[in-house]
C-alpha atoms as a PDB file:
ATOM      1  CA  MET A   1     -10.598 -31.085  -6.492  1.00  0.00           C
ATOM      2  CA  PRO A   2     -13.100 -33.453  -3.796  1.00  0.00           C
ATOM      3  CA  ASP A   3      -9.979 -34.300  -2.239  1.00  0.00           C
ATOM      4  CA  THR A   4      -7.640 -30.611  -2.743  1.00  0.00           C
ATOM      5  CA  ASP A   5     -11.303 -29.067  -0.641  1.00  0.00           C
ATOM      6  CA  ARG A   6     -11.140 -31.463   2.069  1.00  0.00           C
ATOM      7  CA  GLU A   7      -7.931 -30.600   2.756  1.00  0.00           C
ATOM      8  CA  LEU A   8      -8.519 -27.477   3.306  1.00  0.00           C
ATOM      9  CA  ASP A   9     -11.831 -27.143   4.630  1.00  0.00           C
ATOM     10  CA  GLU A  10     -10.862 -29.873   7.295  1.00  0.00           C
ATOM     11  CA  PRO A  11      -7.093 -30.071   7.163  1.00  0.00           C
ATOM     12  CA  ASP A  12      -5.384 -33.826   9.171  1.00  0.00           C
ATOM     13  CA  PRO A  13      -4.619 -32.420  12.721  1.00  0.00           C
ATOM     14  CA  ALA A  14      -1.401 -34.097  12.835  1.00  0.00           C
ATOM     15  CA  TRP A  15      -0.629 -32.276   9.280  1.00  0.00           C
ATOM     16  CA  TRP A  16      -0.776 -28.894  11.024  1.00  0.00           C
ATOM     17  CA  GLN A  17       1.151 -29.856  14.345  1.00  0.00           C
ATOM     18  CA  GLU A  18       4.311 -31.617  12.019  1.00  0.00           C
ATOM     19  CA  LEU A  19       4.329 -27.708  10.795  1.00  0.00           C
ATOM     20  CA  THR A  20       6.812 -27.081  13.736  1.00  0.00           C
ATOM     21  CA  GLU A  21       8.932 -30.226  12.744  1.00  0.00           C
ATOM     22  CA  ILE A  22       9.996 -27.201   9.412  1.00  0.00           C
ATOM     23  CA  THR A  23      13.504 -26.127   9.592  1.00  0.00           C
ATOM     24  CA  CYS A  24      13.836 -24.124   6.713  1.00  0.00           C
ATOM     25  CA  PRO A  25      12.301 -20.795   6.878  1.00  0.00           C
ATOM     26  CA  THR A  26       9.384 -20.719   4.519  1.00  0.00           C
ATOM     27  CA  LEU A  27       7.755 -17.797   2.981  1.00  0.00           C
ATOM     28  CA  VAL A  28       4.218 -18.137   2.331  1.00  0.00           C
ATOM     29  CA  ILE A  29       2.471 -15.685  -0.119  1.00  0.00           C
ATOM     30  CA  GLY A  30      -1.188 -15.333   0.215  1.00  0.00           C
ATOM     31  CA  GLY A  31      -2.757 -13.061  -2.176  1.00  0.00           C
ATOM     32  CA  GLY A  32      -5.594 -10.924  -0.409  1.00  0.00           C
ATOM     33  CA  PRO A  33      -9.090 -10.911  -0.041  1.00  0.00           C
ATOM     34  CA  THR A  34      -9.907 -11.675  -3.222  1.00  0.00           C
ATOM     35  CA  SER A  35      -8.467 -15.446  -3.275  1.00  0.00           C
ATOM     36  CA  HIS A  36     -10.112 -18.223  -2.611  1.00  0.00           C
ATOM     37  CA  VAL A  37      -7.836 -19.671   0.152  1.00  0.00           C
ATOM     38  CA  PRO A  38      -8.527 -18.295   2.875  1.00  0.00           C
ATOM     39  CA  GLN A  39      -5.647 -16.041   4.829  1.00  0.00           C
ATOM     40  CA  ASP A  40      -5.908 -16.066   8.207  1.00  0.00           C
ATOM     41  CA  ARG A  41      -5.345 -20.185   7.114  1.00  0.00           C
ATOM     42  CA  LEU A  42      -2.678 -19.000   4.969  1.00  0.00           C
ATOM     43  CA  ALA A  43      -0.919 -16.104   7.714  1.00  0.00           C
ATOM     44  CA  GLU A  44      -1.390 -19.706  11.035  1.00  0.00           C
ATOM     45  CA  LEU A  45       0.197 -22.021   8.480  1.00  0.00           C
ATOM     46  CA  ALA A  46       3.072 -19.140   8.154  1.00  0.00           C
ATOM     47  CA  GLY A  47       2.871 -19.079  11.799  1.00  0.00           C
ATOM     48  CA  ARG A  48       3.280 -22.601  13.225  1.00  0.00           C
ATOM     49  CA  ILE A  49       6.674 -22.863  11.083  1.00  0.00           C
ATOM     50  CA  PRO A  50       9.315 -21.725  12.985  1.00  0.00           C
ATOM     51  CA  GLY A  51      11.047 -19.046  10.660  1.00  0.00           C
ATOM     52  CA  GLY A  52       8.175 -18.890   8.740  1.00  0.00           C
ATOM     53  CA  ARG A  53       7.267 -15.173   7.472  1.00  0.00           C
ATOM     54  CA  PHE A  54       3.515 -14.623   4.917  1.00  0.00           C
ATOM     55  CA  VAL A  55       3.656 -12.170   3.396  1.00  0.00           C
ATOM     56  CA  THR A  56       0.498 -10.940   1.291  1.00  0.00           C
ATOM     57  CA  ILE A  57       0.208  -9.421  -2.541  1.00  0.00           C
ATOM     58  CA  ASP A  58      -3.101  -8.433  -3.513  1.00  0.00           C
ATOM     59  CA  ALA A  59      -3.636 -10.489  -6.824  1.00  0.00           C
ATOM     60  CA  GLY A  60      -5.641 -13.442  -6.568  1.00  0.00           C
ATOM     61  CA  HIS A  61      -5.125 -17.096  -6.605  1.00  0.00           C
ATOM     62  CA  LEU A  62      -1.929 -16.547  -9.238  1.00  0.00           C
ATOM     63  CA  VAL A  63      -0.776 -14.063  -7.668  1.00  0.00           C
ATOM     64  CA  HIS A  64       3.008 -15.344  -9.982  1.00  0.00           C
ATOM     65  CA  GLU A  65       1.474 -14.627 -13.203  1.00  0.00           C
ATOM     66  CA  SER A  66      -0.955 -11.429 -11.811  1.00  0.00           C
ATOM     67  CA  ARG A  67       1.950  -9.633 -10.043  1.00  0.00           C
ATOM     68  CA  PRO A  68       5.244 -11.131 -11.327  1.00  0.00           C
ATOM     69  CA  GLU A  69       7.031  -8.236  -9.927  1.00  0.00           C
ATOM     70  CA  ASP A  70       6.359  -8.467  -6.335  1.00  0.00           C
ATOM     71  CA  PHE A  71       5.978 -11.780  -7.064  1.00  0.00           C
ATOM     72  CA  LEU A  72      10.155 -12.408  -7.611  1.00  0.00           C
ATOM     73  CA  LYS A  73      10.125  -8.170  -5.094  1.00  0.00           C
ATOM     74  CA  ALA A  74       8.794 -10.489  -2.265  1.00  0.00           C
ATOM     75  CA  LEU A  75      10.694 -14.401  -3.411  1.00  0.00           C
ATOM     76  CA  LYS A  76      14.039 -11.143  -3.403  1.00  0.00           C
ATOM     77  CA  GLU A  77      13.377 -10.317   0.131  1.00  0.00           C
ATOM     78  CA  PHE A  78      12.492 -13.541   2.237  1.00  0.00           C
ATOM     79  CA  GLY A  79      16.829 -14.006   0.350  1.00  0.00           C
ATOM     80  CA  LEU A  80      15.719 -16.662  -2.327  1.00  0.00           C
END
């Protein structure tokens, strides 16, 4: 956990800059205010990716387990 926490708290600036080089459409799903992952950071991440989209499903961290129907709906709407 310390390594992943460090990446979340202080990501390598080069990593953020390289997000603009992603060429495929990308869906980022956040779990809303009860998730321990900062939702504003996820929105920023999606915004840096050309064609990136951010969707919030108010389910906490384990969106796919807590709200599987909504998770699958978001994937289908995105085109997966």
